[in-house]
């Protein structure tokens, strides 16, 4: 049986704004990748676009930005 990840339930890791020091990734995020981030990563992150353009909104291509550069590299190596 899988253990409950308390960080997923009790930590407020997903931000509603993009801090300048966050590291961008090139691989678009989807539901499966977001679940992976919730379970495998520990740091804060932001999902969205650096520039909010009409085209990116229509295509729904959101990327993920990490506070921890190591988590950004791990995400890219796993999902790119």
PDB file of N, CA and C in Angstrom:
ATOM      1  N   UNK A   1       0.837  -1.173   0.000  1.00  0.00           N
ATOM      2  CA  UNK A   1       0.000   0.000   0.000  1.00  0.00           C
ATOM      3  C   UNK A   1       0.890   1.248   0.000  1.00  0.00           C
ATOM      4  N   UNK A   2       0.521   2.261  -0.786  1.00  0.00           N
ATOM      5  CA  UNK A   2       1.303   3.489  -0.865  1.00  0.00           C
ATOM      6  C   UNK A   2       1.071   4.353   0.360  1.00  0.00           C
ATOM      7  N   UNK A   3       2.158   4.973   0.807  1.00  0.00           N
ATOM      8  CA  UNK A   3       2.081   5.900   1.929  1.00  0.00           C
ATOM      9  C   UNK A   3       1.515   7.232   1.447  1.00  0.00           C
ATOM     10  N   UNK A   4       0.787   7.911   2.291  1.00  0.00           N
ATOM     11  CA  UNK A   4       0.249   9.221   1.989  1.00  0.00           C
ATOM     12  C   UNK A   4       1.375  10.249   2.047  1.00  0.00           C
ATOM     13  N   UNK A   5       1.548  11.025   0.988  1.00  0.00           N
ATOM     14  CA  UNK A   5       2.565  12.064   0.948  1.00  0.00           C
ATOM     15  C   UNK A   5       1.999  13.312   1.624  1.00  0.00           C
ATOM     16  N   UNK A   6       2.447  13.598   2.831  1.00  0.00           N
ATOM     17  CA  UNK A   6       1.907  14.718   3.593  1.00  0.00           C
ATOM     18  C   UNK A   6       2.231  16.059   2.957  1.00  0.00           C
ATOM     19  N   UNK A   7       3.352  16.145   2.226  1.00  0.00           N
ATOM     20  CA  UNK A   7       3.701  17.388   1.538  1.00  0.00           C
ATOM     21  C   UNK A   7       2.654  17.738   0.482  1.00  0.00           C
ATOM     22  N   UNK A   8       2.079  16.731  -0.161  1.00  0.00           N
ATOM     23  CA  UNK A   8       1.071  16.960  -1.183  1.00  0.00           C
ATOM     24  C   UNK A   8      -0.185  17.576  -0.578  1.00  0.00           C
ATOM     25  N   UNK A   9      -0.553  17.152   0.602  1.00  0.00           N
ATOM     26  CA  UNK A   9      -1.823  17.570   1.189  1.00  0.00           C
ATOM     27  C   UNK A   9      -1.730  18.801   2.070  1.00  0.00           C
ATOM     28  N   UNK A  10      -0.599  19.014   2.735  1.00  0.00           N
ATOM     29  CA  UNK A  10      -0.545  20.072   3.733  1.00  0.00           C
ATOM     30  C   UNK A  10       0.356  21.252   3.377  1.00  0.00           C
ATOM     31  N   UNK A  11       1.168  21.126   2.356  1.00  0.00           N
ATOM     32  CA  UNK A  11       2.054  22.230   1.970  1.00  0.00           C
ATOM     33  C   UNK A  11       1.430  23.013   0.819  1.00  0.00           C
ATOM     34  N   UNK A  12       1.563  24.315   0.865  1.00  0.00           N
ATOM     35  CA  UNK A  12       1.057  25.184  -0.191  1.00  0.00           C
ATOM     36  C   UNK A  12       2.207  25.476  -1.148  1.00  0.00           C
ATOM     37  N   UNK A  13       2.478  24.538  -2.052  1.00  0.00           N
ATOM     38  CA  UNK A  13       3.649  24.624  -2.915  1.00  0.00           C
ATOM     39  C   UNK A  13       3.356  25.273  -4.262  1.00  0.00           C
ATOM     40  N   UNK A  14       2.133  25.146  -4.764  1.00  0.00           N
ATOM     41  CA  UNK A  14       1.793  25.720  -6.065  1.00  0.00           C
ATOM     42  C   UNK A  14       1.450  27.195  -5.889  1.00  0.00           C
ATOM     43  N   UNK A  15       2.169  28.047  -6.616  1.00  0.00           N
ATOM     44  CA  UNK A  15       1.971  29.488  -6.501  1.00  0.00           C
ATOM     45  C   UNK A  15       1.049  29.995  -7.605  1.00  0.00           C
ATOM     46  N   UNK A  16       0.382  31.117  -7.336  1.00  0.00           N
ATOM     47  CA  UNK A  16      -0.510  31.742  -8.310  1.00  0.00           C
ATOM     48  C   UNK A  16       0.184  32.849  -9.090  1.00  0.00           C
ATOM     49  N   UNK A  17       1.436  33.068  -8.824  1.00  0.00           N
ATOM     50  CA  UNK A  17       2.217  34.104  -9.510  1.00  0.00           C
ATOM     51  C   UNK A  17       3.603  33.533  -9.813  1.00  0.00           C
ATOM     52  N   UNK A  18       4.307  34.150 -10.744  1.00  0.00           N
ATOM     53  CA  UNK A  18       5.627  33.673 -11.146  1.00  0.00           C
ATOM     54  C   UNK A  18       6.713  34.578 -10.579  1.00  0.00           C
ATOM     55  N   UNK A  19       7.425  34.123  -9.541  1.00  0.00           N
ATOM     56  CA  UNK A  19       8.559  34.893  -9.040  1.00  0.00           C
ATOM     57  C   UNK A  19       9.693  34.921 -10.078  1.00  0.00           C
ATOM     58  N   UNK A  20      10.467  35.980 -10.068  1.00  0.00           N
ATOM     59  CA  UNK A  20      11.523  36.161 -11.074  1.00  0.00           C
ATOM     60  C   UNK A  20      12.627  35.115 -10.979  1.00  0.00           C
ATOM     61  N   UNK A  21      12.847  34.553  -9.814  1.00  0.00           N
ATOM     62  CA  UNK A  21      13.960  33.615  -9.644  1.00  0.00           C
ATOM     63  C   UNK A  21      13.594  32.163  -9.981  1.00  0.00           C
ATOM     64  N   UNK A  22      12.377  31.895 -10.369  1.00  0.00           N
ATOM     65  CA  UNK A  22      11.981  30.528 -10.705  1.00  0.00           C
ATOM     66  C   UNK A  22      12.600  30.110 -12.044  1.00  0.00           C
ATOM     67  N   UNK A  23      12.895  28.828 -12.171  1.00  0.00           N
ATOM     68  CA  UNK A  23      13.552  28.263 -13.346  1.00  0.00           C
ATOM     69  C   UNK A  23      12.491  27.713 -14.297  1.00  0.00           C
ATOM     70  N   UNK A  24      12.495  28.160 -15.574  1.00  0.00           N
ATOM     71  CA  UNK A  24      11.498  27.645 -16.525  1.00  0.00           C
ATOM     72  C   UNK A  24      11.905  26.276 -17.069  1.00  0.00           C
ATOM     73  N   UNK A  25      10.924  25.521 -17.505  1.00  0.00           N
ATOM     74  CA  UNK A  25      11.163  24.263 -18.208  1.00  0.00           C
ATOM     75  C   UNK A  25      10.592  24.387 -19.616  1.00  0.00           C
ATOM     76  N   UNK A  26      11.048  23.520 -20.500  1.00  0.00           N
ATOM     77  CA  UNK A  26      10.599  23.562 -21.889  1.00  0.00           C
ATOM     78  C   UNK A  26       9.499  22.558 -22.196  1.00  0.00           C
ATOM     79  N   UNK A  27       9.293  21.591 -21.322  1.00  0.00           N
ATOM     80  CA  UNK A  27       8.318  20.541 -21.556  1.00  0.00           C
ATOM     81  C   UNK A  27       6.960  20.970 -21.011  1.00  0.00           C
ATOM     82  N   UNK A  28       5.932  21.053 -21.868  1.00  0.00           N
ATOM     83  CA  UNK A  28       4.591  21.432 -21.392  1.00  0.00           C
ATOM     84  C   UNK A  28       4.084  20.433 -20.347  1.00  0.00           C
ATOM     85  N   UNK A  29       3.261  20.921 -19.459  1.00  0.00           N
ATOM     86  CA  UNK A  29       2.753  20.076 -18.372  1.00  0.00           C
ATOM     87  C   UNK A  29       1.335  19.619 -18.690  1.00  0.00           C
ATOM     88  N   UNK A  30       1.009  18.429 -18.227  1.00  0.00           N
ATOM     89  CA  UNK A  30      -0.354  17.904 -18.316  1.00  0.00           C
ATOM     90  C   UNK A  30      -0.703  17.291 -16.956  1.00  0.00           C
ATOM     91  N   UNK A  31      -1.847  16.661 -16.860  1.00  0.00           N
ATOM     92  CA  UNK A  31      -2.305  16.139 -15.565  1.00  0.00           C
ATOM     93  C   UNK A  31      -1.374  15.069 -15.001  1.00  0.00           C
ATOM     94  N   UNK A  32      -0.878  14.170 -15.847  1.00  0.00           N
ATOM     95  CA  UNK A  32       0.008  13.105 -15.369  1.00  0.00           C
ATOM     96  C   UNK A  32       1.321  13.674 -14.853  1.00  0.00           C
ATOM     97  N   UNK A  33       1.849  14.661 -15.548  1.00  0.00           N
ATOM     98  CA  UNK A  33       3.109  15.283 -15.125  1.00  0.00           C
ATOM     99  C   UNK A  33       2.907  16.085 -13.842  1.00  0.00           C
ATOM    100  N   UNK A  34       1.747  16.740 -13.714  1.00  0.00           N
ATOM    101  CA  UNK A  34       1.472  17.500 -12.497  1.00  0.00           C
ATOM    102  C   UNK A  34       1.377  16.565 -11.298  1.00  0.00           C
ATOM    103  N   UNK A  35       0.741  15.429 -11.464  1.00  0.00           N
ATOM    104  CA  UNK A  35       0.674  14.444 -10.381  1.00  0.00           C
ATOM    105  C   UNK A  35       2.067  13.967 -10.002  1.00  0.00           C
ATOM    106  N   UNK A  36       2.925  13.755 -10.999  1.00  0.00           N
ATOM    107  CA  UNK A  36       4.306  13.355 -10.739  1.00  0.00           C
ATOM    108  C   UNK A  36       5.021  14.423  -9.914  1.00  0.00           C
ATOM    109  N   UNK A  37       4.844  15.691 -10.273  1.00  0.00           N
ATOM    110  CA  UNK A  37       5.469  16.796  -9.535  1.00  0.00           C
ATOM    111  C   UNK A  37       4.977  16.804  -8.087  1.00  0.00           C
ATOM    112  N   UNK A  38       3.697  16.607  -7.891  1.00  0.00           N
ATOM    113  CA  UNK A  38       3.141  16.588  -6.531  1.00  0.00           C
ATOM    114  C   UNK A  38       3.759  15.486  -5.682  1.00  0.00           C
ATOM    115  N   UNK A  39       4.000  14.334  -6.280  1.00  0.00           N
ATOM    116  CA  UNK A  39       4.492  13.189  -5.533  1.00  0.00           C
ATOM    117  C   UNK A  39       6.013  13.135  -5.417  1.00  0.00           C
ATOM    118  N   UNK A  40       6.739  13.585  -6.420  1.00  0.00           N
ATOM    119  CA  UNK A  40       8.191  13.399  -6.455  1.00  0.00           C
ATOM    120  C   UNK A  40       9.001  14.621  -6.044  1.00  0.00           C
ATOM    121  N   UNK A  41       8.425  15.799  -6.128  1.00  0.00           N
ATOM    122  CA  UNK A  41       9.164  17.022  -5.823  1.00  0.00           C
ATOM    123  C   UNK A  41       8.720  17.584  -4.475  1.00  0.00           C
ATOM    124  N   UNK A  42       9.567  18.409  -3.900  1.00  0.00           N
ATOM    125  CA  UNK A  42       9.286  18.956  -2.571  1.00  0.00           C
ATOM    126  C   UNK A  42       9.130  20.478  -2.568  1.00  0.00           C
ATOM    127  N   UNK A  43       9.696  21.167  -3.561  1.00  0.00           N
ATOM    128  CA  UNK A  43       9.746  22.624  -3.556  1.00  0.00           C
ATOM    129  C   UNK A  43       8.535  23.282  -4.192  1.00  0.00           C
ATOM    130  N   UNK A  44       8.586  24.619  -4.199  1.00  0.00           N
ATOM    131  CA  UNK A  44       7.491  25.398  -4.774  1.00  0.00           C
ATOM    132  C   UNK A  44       7.605  25.432  -6.291  1.00  0.00           C
ATOM    133  N   UNK A  45       6.457  25.624  -6.954  1.00  0.00           N
ATOM    134  CA  UNK A  45       6.424  25.672  -8.410  1.00  0.00           C
ATOM    135  C   UNK A  45       5.268  26.552  -8.866  1.00  0.00           C
ATOM    136  N   UNK A  46       5.323  26.927 -10.145  1.00  0.00           N
ATOM    137  CA  UNK A  46       4.271  27.729 -10.767  1.00  0.00           C
ATOM    138  C   UNK A  46       3.938  27.097 -12.106  1.00  0.00           C
ATOM    139  N   UNK A  47       2.658  27.001 -12.434  1.00  0.00           N
ATOM    140  CA  UNK A  47       2.219  26.487 -13.731  1.00  0.00           C
ATOM    141  C   UNK A  47       1.573  27.622 -14.490  1.00  0.00           C
ATOM    142  N   UNK A  48       2.058  27.860 -15.692  1.00  0.00           N
ATOM    143  CA  UNK A  48       1.526  28.930 -16.519  1.00  0.00           C
ATOM    144  C   UNK A  48       2.515  29.295 -17.605  1.00  0.00           C
ATOM    145  N   UNK A  49       2.365  30.496 -18.129  1.00  0.00           N
ATOM    146  CA  UNK A  49       3.256  30.992 -19.162  1.00  0.00           C
ATOM    147  C   UNK A  49       3.981  32.219 -18.664  1.00  0.00           C
ATOM    148  N   UNK A  50       5.207  32.384 -19.138  1.00  0.00           N
ATOM    149  CA  UNK A  50       5.959  33.582 -18.771  1.00  0.00           C
ATOM    150  C   UNK A  50       5.280  34.808 -19.344  1.00  0.00           C
ATOM    151  N   UNK A  51       4.892  34.715 -20.602  1.00  0.00           N
ATOM    152  CA  UNK A  51       4.123  35.785 -21.232  1.00  0.00           C
ATOM    153  C   UNK A  51       2.720  35.254 -21.460  1.00  0.00           C
ATOM    154  N   UNK A  52       1.755  35.937 -20.983  1.00  0.00           N
ATOM    155  CA  UNK A  52       0.364  35.549 -21.216  1.00  0.00           C
ATOM    156  C   UNK A  52      -0.056  36.079 -22.577  1.00  0.00           C
ATOM    157  N   UNK A  53       0.034  35.230 -23.576  1.00  0.00           N
ATOM    158  CA  UNK A  53      -0.368  35.635 -24.917  1.00  0.00           C
ATOM    159  C   UNK A  53      -1.671  34.943 -25.273  1.00  0.00           C
ATOM    160  N   UNK A  54      -2.374  35.523 -26.215  1.00  0.00           N
ATOM    161  CA  UNK A  54      -3.636  34.932 -26.641  1.00  0.00           C
ATOM    162  C   UNK A  54      -3.400  33.556 -27.246  1.00  0.00           C
ATOM    163  N   UNK A  55      -2.319  33.397 -28.014  1.00  0.00           N
ATOM    164  CA  UNK A  55      -2.029  32.123 -28.665  1.00  0.00           C
ATOM    165  C   UNK A  55      -1.745  31.033 -27.627  1.00  0.00           C
ATOM    166  N   UNK A  56      -0.950  31.343 -26.619  1.00  0.00           N
ATOM    167  CA  UNK A  56      -0.653  30.331 -25.601  1.00  0.00           C
ATOM    168  C   UNK A  56      -1.909  29.962 -24.819  1.00  0.00           C
ATOM    169  N   UNK A  57      -2.801  30.921 -24.611  1.00  0.00           N
ATOM    170  CA  UNK A  57      -4.064  30.640 -23.921  1.00  0.00           C
ATOM    171  C   UNK A  57      -4.938  29.726 -24.771  1.00  0.00           C
ATOM    172  N   UNK A  58      -5.009  29.994 -26.083  1.00  0.00           N
ATOM    173  CA  UNK A  58      -5.838  29.181 -26.973  1.00  0.00           C
ATOM    174  C   UNK A  58      -5.283  27.765 -27.118  1.00  0.00           C
ATOM    175  N   UNK A  59      -3.967  27.643 -27.180  1.00  0.00           N
ATOM    176  CA  UNK A  59      -3.348  26.329 -27.338  1.00  0.00           C
ATOM    177  C   UNK A  59      -3.264  25.573 -26.013  1.00  0.00           C
ATOM    178  N   UNK A  60      -3.475  26.278 -24.909  1.00  0.00           N
ATOM    179  CA  UNK A  60      -3.409  25.711 -23.564  1.00  0.00           C
ATOM    180  C   UNK A  60      -2.075  25.005 -23.330  1.00  0.00           C
ATOM    181  N   UNK A  61      -0.995  25.672 -23.706  1.00  0.00           N
ATOM    182  CA  UNK A  61       0.342  25.131 -23.496  1.00  0.00           C
ATOM    183  C   UNK A  61       0.972  25.797 -22.285  1.00  0.00           C
ATOM    184  N   UNK A  62       0.720  25.240 -21.130  1.00  0.00           N
ATOM    185  CA  UNK A  62       1.316  25.752 -19.908  1.00  0.00           C
ATOM    186  C   UNK A  62       2.619  25.014 -19.622  1.00  0.00           C
ATOM    187  N   UNK A  63       3.581  25.735 -19.130  1.00  0.00           N
ATOM    188  CA  UNK A  63       4.833  25.152 -18.684  1.00  0.00           C
ATOM    189  C   UNK A  63       4.886  25.240 -17.172  1.00  0.00           C
ATOM    190  N   UNK A  64       5.866  24.563 -16.613  1.00  0.00           N
ATOM    191  CA  UNK A  64       6.044  24.595 -15.168  1.00  0.00           C
ATOM    192  C   UNK A  64       7.376  25.265 -14.862  1.00  0.00           C
ATOM    193  N   UNK A  65       7.384  26.056 -13.815  1.00  0.00           N
ATOM    194  CA  UNK A  65       8.569  26.763 -13.361  1.00  0.00           C
ATOM    195  C   UNK A  65       8.849  26.294 -11.935  1.00  0.00           C
ATOM    196  N   UNK A  66      10.111  25.982 -11.651  1.00  0.00           N
ATOM    197  CA  UNK A  66      10.492  25.473 -10.333  1.00  0.00           C
ATOM    198  C   UNK A  66      11.373  26.476  -9.597  1.00  0.00           C
ATOM    199  N   UNK A  67      11.248  26.504  -8.286  1.00  0.00           N
ATOM    200  CA  UNK A  67      12.142  27.313  -7.471  1.00  0.00           C
ATOM    201  C   UNK A  67      13.504  26.634  -7.354  1.00  0.00           C
ATOM    202  N   UNK A  68      13.508  25.329  -7.257  1.00  0.00           N
ATOM    203  CA  UNK A  68      14.744  24.556  -7.102  1.00  0.00           C
ATOM    204  C   UNK A  68      15.247  24.122  -8.482  1.00  0.00           C
ATOM    205  N   UNK A  69      16.435  24.559  -8.898  1.00  0.00           N
ATOM    206  CA  UNK A  69      16.959  24.173 -10.215  1.00  0.00           C
ATOM    207  C   UNK A  69      17.113  22.666 -10.376  1.00  0.00           C
ATOM    208  N   UNK A  70      17.406  21.955  -9.296  1.00  0.00           N
ATOM    209  CA  UNK A  70      17.547  20.499  -9.390  1.00  0.00           C
ATOM    210  C   UNK A  70      16.224  19.830  -9.739  1.00  0.00           C
ATOM    211  N   UNK A  71      15.130  20.345  -9.222  1.00  0.00           N
ATOM    212  CA  UNK A  71      13.819  19.789  -9.551  1.00  0.00           C
ATOM    213  C   UNK A  71      13.461  20.086 -11.004  1.00  0.00           C
ATOM    214  N   UNK A  72      13.868  21.252 -11.509  1.00  0.00           N
ATOM    215  CA  UNK A  72      13.624  21.585 -12.918  1.00  0.00           C
ATOM    216  C   UNK A  72      14.372  20.618 -13.831  1.00  0.00           C
ATOM    217  N   UNK A  73      15.613  20.314 -13.486  1.00  0.00           N
ATOM    218  CA  UNK A  73      16.416  19.374 -14.281  1.00  0.00           C
ATOM    219  C   UNK A  73      15.816  17.973 -14.207  1.00  0.00           C
ATOM    220  N   UNK A  74      15.416  17.534 -13.018  1.00  0.00           N
ATOM    221  CA  UNK A  74      14.804  16.216 -12.862  1.00  0.00           C
ATOM    222  C   UNK A  74      13.520  16.102 -13.690  1.00  0.00           C
ATOM    223  N   UNK A  75      12.693  17.147 -13.671  1.00  0.00           N
ATOM    224  CA  UNK A  75      11.462  17.165 -14.467  1.00  0.00           C
ATOM    225  C   UNK A  75      11.791  17.035 -15.958  1.00  0.00           C
ATOM    226  N   UNK A  76      12.755  17.818 -16.431  1.00  0.00           N
ATOM    227  CA  UNK A  76      13.131  17.773 -17.846  1.00  0.00           C
ATOM    228  C   UNK A  76      13.692  16.414 -18.240  1.00  0.00           C
ATOM    229  N   UNK A  77      14.541  15.840 -17.403  1.00  0.00           N
ATOM    230  CA  UNK A  77      15.116  14.534 -17.719  1.00  0.00           C
ATOM    231  C   UNK A  77      14.048  13.437 -17.727  1.00  0.00           C
ATOM    232  N   UNK A  78      13.058  13.572 -16.880  1.00  0.00           N
ATOM    233  CA  UNK A  78      12.002  12.556 -16.799  1.00  0.00           C
ATOM    234  C   UNK A  78      10.996  12.677 -17.933  1.00  0.00           C
ATOM    235  N   UNK A  79      10.609  13.890 -18.308  1.00  0.00           N
ATOM    236  CA  UNK A  79       9.484  14.081 -19.205  1.00  0.00           C
ATOM    237  C   UNK A  79       9.823  14.621 -20.598  1.00  0.00           C
ATOM    238  N   UNK A  80      11.063  14.976 -20.870  1.00  0.00           N
ATOM    239  CA  UNK A  80      11.355  15.517 -22.205  1.00  0.00           C
ATOM    240  C   UNK A  80      11.623  14.422 -23.205  1.00  0.00           C
TER     241      UNK A  80
END
